[in-house]
Amino acid sequence: MKQQILRVTENIRIAENVYKMVLENPELEEQKPGQFINIRIDGLYLRRPISVCESDPGNVVIIYKVVGKGTEQLSRIRKREYLDVLTGLGNGYDLSKAGDHPLLLGGGVGVPPLIKLARMLRDAGKEVQAVLGFNTKAEVFGEGAFQEMDCKTTVTTVDGSYGVKGFVTDALPEDYSYFYTCGPEPMLRAVYKATCTSGQFSFEERMGCGFGACMGCSCKTITGYKRICREGPVLEKEEILWDD
């Protein structure tokens, strides 16, 4: 983890209540797919954790949805402003278990961390399939990024206004070697029950400190409690214990 001052080079709306922000600093290290950054917002006590979408040495891209005061304030940040950011947080996805034709399942703002993951899997010669879930057509984003990487991509919407009507679990392909997923907990629970292989889950969780000191984002696993911000946000399917 590092605390760094990052310069905003882009902050634009890309879908309904969804924004893309690009941040840069020459000393910024490349972030792993599945990791997140934690942004300090003026006037608010807690930082806001946002998943990494894309990253290279010197820059990081995030995609976030306006859902409250913090993200609403973030959406009003302009180019050339600076943000105090904790970088390199979380464990990220393990690509070594993907097999030859992995499946990526993303719901809403759970889609962004899968974009860099897809790029790295494609660079490794994997045949990638992606299923992206949204509530309505107005909220859809990211489809083009996966298609540009020659990933077989399916979009689902709850109201049927675009793509397949339903949830990501309604569009699961018959054949895949492994899966990676990120999204809201109800979606992750459904994916857990519907999938037929092992996989990795990236959890979206409210956090206090964001680096493991406060224990506020702990969850139960087969080996005891783990902190989503520190030992996670990515957990293996076999270690997850769902609370009923």
Protein backbone atom coordinates (compact mmCIF):
# COMPACT_ATOMS: atom_id res chain seq x y z
CA MET A 1 0.00 0.00 0.00
CA LYS A 2 1.15 3.50 -0.82
CA GLN A 3 -0.35 6.92 -0.15
CA GLN A 4 0.03 9.05 -3.25
CA ILE A 5 -1.23 12.29 -4.75
CA LEU A 6 -2.72 11.53 -8.17
CA ARG A 7 -3.65 14.02 -10.88
CA VAL A 8 -7.04 13.68 -12.57
CA THR A 9 -6.71 13.65 -16.37
CA GLU A 10 -10.27 12.56 -17.18
CA ASN A 11 -13.60 12.27 -15.36
CA ILE A 12 -16.50 11.64 -17.74
CA ARG A 13 -19.98 10.13 -17.65
CA ILE A 14 -20.18 6.87 -19.64
CA ALA A 15 -23.64 5.55 -18.66
CA GLU A 16 -26.53 6.43 -16.37
CA ASN A 17 -24.91 7.57 -13.09
CA VAL A 18 -21.66 5.86 -14.13
CA TYR A 19 -18.35 7.72 -14.54
CA LYS A 20 -14.86 6.92 -15.78
CA MET A 21 -11.89 8.62 -14.10
CA VAL A 22 -8.24 8.48 -15.16
CA LEU A 23 -5.55 9.30 -12.58
CA GLU A 24 -1.82 9.68 -13.07
CA ASN A 25 1.42 9.99 -11.18
CA PRO A 26 4.86 9.10 -12.65
CA GLU A 27 5.65 7.08 -9.52
CA LEU A 28 2.40 5.07 -9.62
CA GLU A 29 3.03 1.34 -9.95
CA GLU A 30 0.86 -0.86 -12.13
CA GLN A 31 -2.16 -2.17 -10.20
CA LYS A 32 -3.29 -5.80 -10.46
CA PRO A 33 -6.75 -6.79 -11.74
CA GLY A 34 -9.00 -7.17 -8.72
CA GLN A 35 -7.10 -4.66 -6.59
CA PHE A 36 -8.66 -1.36 -5.54
CA ILE A 37 -7.69 2.18 -4.58
CA ASN A 38 -9.07 4.20 -1.65
CA ILE A 39 -9.79 7.87 -2.35
CA ARG A 40 -9.90 10.67 0.20
CA ILE A 41 -12.78 13.07 -0.45
CA ASP A 42 -12.76 16.51 1.13
CA GLY A 43 -15.17 16.90 4.03
CA LEU A 44 -15.88 13.18 4.42
CA TYR A 45 -14.38 11.03 7.18
CA LEU A 46 -14.02 7.73 5.32
CA ARG A 47 -12.19 7.20 2.05
CA ARG A 48 -14.10 5.64 -0.85
CA PRO A 49 -12.82 2.28 -2.18
CA ILE A 50 -13.04 1.92 -5.98
CA SER A 51 -11.95 -1.12 -8.01
CA VAL A 52 -9.17 -0.77 -10.56
CA CYS A 53 -10.42 -1.01 -14.15
CA GLU A 54 -7.21 -0.55 -16.12
CA SER A 55 -3.67 0.28 -15.05
CA ASP A 56 -0.19 0.79 -16.41
CA PRO A 57 2.88 2.22 -14.69
CA GLY A 58 2.04 5.88 -14.13
CA ASN A 59 -1.74 5.75 -14.46
CA VAL A 60 -4.89 4.01 -13.25
CA VAL A 61 -8.45 3.99 -14.60
CA ILE A 62 -11.50 3.57 -12.37
CA ILE A 63 -15.20 3.32 -13.21
CA TYR A 64 -17.65 4.15 -10.45
CA LYS A 65 -21.37 4.66 -9.96
CA VAL A 66 -22.88 7.62 -8.14
CA VAL A 67 -24.76 6.06 -5.24
CA GLY A 68 -24.22 8.49 -2.38
CA LYS A 69 -22.61 11.69 -1.18
CA GLY A 70 -19.02 10.53 -1.68
CA THR A 71 -19.35 9.31 -5.26
CA GLU A 72 -21.56 12.28 -6.15
CA GLN A 73 -18.78 14.59 -4.97
CA LEU A 74 -16.24 12.49 -6.87
CA SER A 75 -18.25 12.93 -10.08
CA ARG A 76 -17.76 16.71 -9.83
CA ILE A 77 -13.97 16.53 -9.73
CA ARG A 78 -12.45 18.26 -12.75
CA LYS A 79 -9.40 17.61 -14.91
CA ARG A 80 -6.10 18.76 -13.43
CA GLU A 81 -7.38 18.49 -9.87
CA TYR A 82 -5.51 16.25 -7.41
CA LEU A 83 -6.69 13.45 -5.14
CA ASP A 84 -5.11 11.82 -2.08
CA VAL A 85 -5.23 8.08 -2.83
CA LEU A 86 -4.14 4.83 -1.18
CA THR A 87 -2.97 2.50 -3.97
CA GLY A 88 -2.08 -1.18 -4.28
CA LEU A 89 -4.85 -2.41 -1.97
CA GLY A 90 -6.22 -5.95 -1.91
CA ASN A 91 -4.91 -9.21 -3.27
CA GLY A 92 -6.27 -9.26 -6.84
CA TYR A 93 -7.18 -12.20 -9.07
CA ASP A 94 -4.96 -15.25 -9.52
CA LEU A 95 -4.66 -15.85 -13.28
CA SER A 96 -2.75 -19.13 -12.95
CA LYS A 97 -5.94 -21.18 -12.44
CA ALA A 98 -7.87 -19.90 -15.47
CA GLY A 99 -7.49 -22.90 -17.75
CA ASP A 100 -7.91 -22.51 -21.51
CA HIS A 101 -11.37 -20.89 -21.68
CA PRO A 102 -12.23 -18.91 -18.54
CA LEU A 103 -15.56 -17.20 -17.92
CA LEU A 104 -15.89 -13.67 -16.53
CA LEU A 105 -19.13 -12.66 -14.80
CA GLY A 106 -19.68 -9.02 -13.86
CA GLY A 107 -22.65 -7.16 -12.43
CA GLY A 108 -22.93 -3.35 -12.66
CA VAL A 109 -19.81 -1.73 -11.20
CA GLY A 110 -18.48 -5.25 -10.75
CA VAL A 111 -17.67 -5.16 -14.48
CA PRO A 112 -14.66 -2.77 -14.39
CA PRO A 113 -12.15 -5.02 -12.55
CA LEU A 114 -12.81 -7.74 -15.13
CA ILE A 115 -11.61 -5.57 -18.03
CA LYS A 116 -7.92 -5.61 -17.13
CA LEU A 117 -8.30 -9.27 -16.13
CA ALA A 118 -9.70 -10.08 -19.59
CA ARG A 119 -6.84 -8.22 -21.26
CA MET A 120 -4.22 -10.18 -19.33
CA LEU A 121 -5.95 -13.50 -19.98
CA ARG A 122 -6.17 -12.74 -23.71
CA ASP A 123 -2.47 -11.76 -23.75
CA ALA A 124 -1.80 -15.19 -22.24
CA GLY A 125 -3.63 -16.83 -25.13
CA LYS A 126 -6.83 -17.72 -23.25
CA GLU A 127 -10.22 -17.95 -24.96
CA VAL A 128 -12.28 -15.62 -22.77
CA GLN A 129 -16.07 -15.48 -22.42
CA ALA A 130 -17.80 -12.64 -20.56
CA VAL A 131 -21.33 -12.16 -19.26
CA LEU A 132 -22.15 -8.64 -18.08
CA GLY A 133 -25.29 -7.91 -16.08
CA PHE A 134 -27.16 -4.61 -15.63
CA ASN A 135 -30.61 -3.44 -14.59
CA THR A 136 -31.49 -1.52 -17.77
CA LYS A 137 -30.01 -0.54 -21.16
CA ALA A 138 -29.20 2.95 -19.85
CA GLU A 139 -26.73 1.44 -17.35
CA VAL A 140 -24.82 -0.73 -19.83
CA PHE A 141 -21.11 -0.05 -20.28
CA GLY A 142 -17.95 -2.03 -21.00
CA GLU A 143 -19.38 -4.31 -23.70
CA GLY A 144 -17.20 -2.74 -26.38
CA ALA A 145 -14.02 -3.18 -24.33
CA PHE A 146 -14.54 -6.95 -24.14
CA GLN A 147 -15.54 -7.21 -27.79
CA GLU A 148 -12.41 -5.32 -28.87
CA MET A 149 -10.38 -8.03 -27.13
CA ASP A 150 -12.27 -10.71 -29.09
CA CYS A 151 -14.00 -12.00 -25.99
CA LYS A 152 -17.33 -13.71 -26.62
CA THR A 153 -19.55 -11.24 -24.77
CA THR A 154 -23.16 -11.45 -23.61
CA VAL A 155 -25.07 -8.64 -21.88
CA THR A 156 -28.09 -9.21 -19.66
CA THR A 157 -30.58 -6.66 -18.34
CA VAL A 158 -33.14 -7.30 -15.63
CA ASP A 159 -35.89 -5.47 -17.53
CA GLY A 160 -34.98 -6.97 -20.92
CA SER A 161 -34.32 -3.58 -22.52
CA TYR A 162 -30.99 -4.82 -23.93
CA GLY A 163 -29.46 -8.22 -24.54
CA VAL A 164 -30.72 -11.25 -22.66
CA LYS A 165 -33.55 -10.59 -20.22
CA GLY A 166 -32.62 -11.65 -16.70
CA PHE A 167 -29.45 -12.01 -14.67
CA VAL A 168 -25.92 -13.18 -15.50
CA THR A 169 -26.87 -16.65 -14.28
CA ASP A 170 -29.54 -16.76 -17.03
CA ALA A 171 -26.81 -16.53 -19.69
CA LEU A 172 -24.17 -18.93 -18.43
CA PRO A 173 -22.43 -20.80 -21.27
CA GLU A 174 -22.37 -24.57 -21.16
CA ASP A 175 -18.60 -24.91 -21.29
CA TYR A 176 -15.90 -23.02 -19.39
CA SER A 177 -12.73 -24.04 -17.58
CA TYR A 178 -12.88 -21.65 -14.60
CA PHE A 179 -14.66 -18.43 -13.68
CA TYR A 180 -13.95 -15.01 -12.20
CA THR A 181 -16.74 -12.81 -10.89
CA CYS A 182 -17.41 -9.44 -9.27
CA GLY A 183 -20.68 -7.76 -8.35
CA PRO A 184 -23.25 -7.22 -5.61
CA GLU A 185 -23.63 -9.97 -3.03
CA PRO A 186 -27.02 -11.29 -4.28
CA MET A 187 -25.42 -11.84 -7.69
CA LEU A 188 -22.38 -13.54 -6.17
CA ARG A 189 -24.60 -15.89 -4.17
CA ALA A 190 -26.49 -16.82 -7.34
CA VAL A 191 -23.24 -17.37 -9.26
CA TYR A 192 -21.94 -19.59 -6.45
CA LYS A 193 -24.98 -21.86 -6.77
CA ALA A 194 -25.17 -21.85 -10.59
CA THR A 195 -21.55 -22.44 -11.58
CA CYS A 196 -20.10 -25.91 -12.16
CA THR A 197 -16.36 -25.22 -11.75
CA SER A 198 -14.10 -23.59 -9.23
CA GLY A 199 -13.68 -19.82 -9.41
CA GLN A 200 -12.78 -16.57 -7.71
CA PHE A 201 -15.16 -14.01 -6.22
CA SER A 202 -14.34 -10.33 -5.77
CA PHE A 203 -16.52 -8.84 -3.04
CA GLU A 204 -17.89 -5.32 -2.92
CA GLU A 205 -17.93 -4.33 0.74
CA ARG A 206 -18.27 -1.17 2.82
CA MET A 207 -14.88 -0.45 4.39
CA GLY A 208 -13.50 1.66 7.20
CA CYS A 209 -9.74 1.98 6.83
CA GLY A 210 -9.34 -0.04 3.63
CA PHE A 211 -6.06 -1.71 4.67
CA GLY A 212 -6.96 -4.18 7.41
CA ALA A 213 -6.57 -2.21 10.63
CA CYS A 214 -10.20 -1.74 11.67
CA MET A 215 -11.58 -5.25 10.93
CA GLY A 216 -14.82 -3.62 9.75
CA CYS A 217 -15.10 -5.63 6.53
CA SER A 218 -14.42 -9.12 7.90
CA CYS A 219 -16.24 -12.15 6.51
CA LYS A 220 -16.37 -15.79 7.57
CA THR A 221 -14.45 -18.41 5.59
CA ILE A 222 -13.60 -22.07 6.17
CA THR A 223 -10.27 -20.98 7.69
CA GLY A 224 -11.74 -18.26 9.90
CA TYR A 225 -12.51 -14.59 9.39
CA LYS A 226 -10.80 -12.73 6.56
CA ARG A 227 -10.69 -9.01 5.89
CA ILE A 228 -12.13 -8.13 2.47
CA CYS A 229 -9.75 -5.17 2.17
CA ARG A 230 -6.62 -7.13 3.12
CA GLU A 231 -6.94 -10.89 2.49
CA GLY A 232 -9.57 -10.10 -0.16
CA PRO A 233 -11.39 -8.68 -1.97
CA VAL A 234 -10.85 -11.86 -4.02
CA LEU A 235 -11.74 -15.18 -2.35
CA GLU A 236 -11.77 -18.72 -3.76
CA LYS A 237 -15.15 -20.39 -4.21
CA GLU A 238 -14.20 -23.29 -1.93
CA GLU A 239 -13.37 -21.07 1.06
CA ILE A 240 -16.56 -18.98 1.12
CA LEU A 241 -19.15 -19.51 3.85
CA TRP A 242 -22.41 -17.69 3.19
CA ASP A 243 -24.45 -16.43 6.14
CA ASP A 244 -28.07 -17.57 5.78
